[in-house]
Protein backbone atom coordinates (compact mmCIF):
# COMPACT_ATOMS: atom_id res chain seq x y z
CA UNK A 1 102.88 140.42 67.20
CA UNK A 2 101.49 138.19 64.53
CA UNK A 3 102.14 134.52 64.13
CA UNK A 4 104.40 135.16 61.11
CA UNK A 5 106.47 137.72 63.06
CA UNK A 6 106.74 135.31 65.94
CA UNK A 7 107.89 132.50 63.63
CA UNK A 8 110.50 134.80 62.02
CA UNK A 9 111.77 135.85 65.45
CA UNK A 10 111.91 132.21 66.54
CA UNK A 11 113.87 131.28 63.40
CA UNK A 12 116.32 134.15 64.07
CA UNK A 13 116.82 133.03 67.65
CA UNK A 14 117.37 129.44 66.52
CA UNK A 15 119.94 130.57 63.93
CA UNK A 16 121.80 132.66 66.53
CA UNK A 17 121.78 129.71 68.91
CA UNK A 18 123.28 127.42 66.27
CA UNK A 19 125.98 129.99 65.47
CA UNK A 20 126.83 130.35 69.16
CA UNK A 21 126.94 126.57 69.55
CA UNK A 22 129.40 126.28 66.64
CA UNK A 23 131.54 129.08 68.08
CA UNK A 24 131.65 127.33 71.46
CA UNK A 25 132.64 124.03 69.82
CA UNK A 26 135.48 125.74 67.95
CA UNK A 27 136.73 127.48 71.10
CA UNK A 28 136.57 124.26 73.15
CA UNK A 29 138.47 122.35 70.47
CA UNK A 30 141.13 125.07 70.32
CA UNK A 31 141.51 125.02 74.10
CA UNK A 32 141.88 121.22 74.10
CA UNK A 33 144.58 121.40 71.42
CA UNK A 34 146.40 124.04 73.45
CA UNK A 35 146.21 121.94 76.61
CA UNK A 36 147.39 118.79 74.79
CA UNK A 37 150.27 120.72 73.27
CA UNK A 38 151.28 122.04 76.70
CA UNK A 39 151.16 118.51 78.13
CA UNK A 40 153.29 117.26 75.23
CA UNK A 41 155.86 120.02 75.83
CA UNK A 42 155.95 119.26 79.57
CA UNK A 43 156.42 115.55 78.81
CA UNK A 44 159.32 116.32 76.48
CA UNK A 45 160.92 118.59 79.07
CA UNK A 46 160.67 115.87 81.72
CA UNK A 47 162.14 113.29 79.33
CA UNK A 48 164.99 115.67 78.46
CA UNK A 49 165.73 116.30 82.12
CA UNK A 50 165.72 112.58 82.83
CA UNK A 51 168.11 112.01 79.93
CA UNK A 52 170.39 114.73 81.29
CA UNK A 53 170.38 113.11 84.73
CA UNK A 54 171.17 109.71 83.20
CA UNK A 55 174.02 111.20 81.14
CA UNK A 56 175.38 112.92 84.25
CA UNK A 57 175.17 109.68 86.20
CA UNK A 58 177.11 107.81 83.52
CA UNK A 59 179.71 110.56 83.38
CA UNK A 60 180.14 110.99 87.14
CA UNK A 61 179.87 107.35 88.16
CA UNK A 62 181.85 105.96 85.26
CA UNK A 63 179.09 103.61 84.23
CA UNK A 64 179.60 101.92 80.87
CA UNK A 65 177.76 103.44 77.98
CA UNK A 66 174.56 101.68 77.12
CA UNK A 67 172.79 102.12 73.84
CA UNK A 68 170.24 104.94 74.05
CA UNK A 69 167.38 102.65 73.10
CA UNK A 70 167.85 100.47 76.20
CA UNK A 71 165.26 101.40 78.76
CA UNK A 72 162.99 102.94 76.13
CA UNK A 73 161.10 99.69 75.63
CA UNK A 74 157.86 99.28 77.47
CA UNK A 75 156.91 95.86 78.84
CA UNK A 76 154.43 93.97 76.75
CA UNK A 77 150.87 93.82 77.98
CA UNK A 78 150.47 90.99 80.47
CA UNK A 79 154.22 90.51 81.04
CA UNK A 80 155.63 90.37 84.51
């Protein structure tokens, strides 16, 4: 194998490596998006279930209706 053939082979290997690296990056990004979406769906399901429980509590216990936005506020940073 001559030096030129070796350099061509090395360039081919480097190109294949770069293509594989890009493919891995795309697949990892797609998997992350899928995982984040699943977490978002699970979060929404939990929030919906909690809302259902709260509605049931108000209905069964006769609690007065409170506006839906009450309880949705998060405490400010540093507040007690």
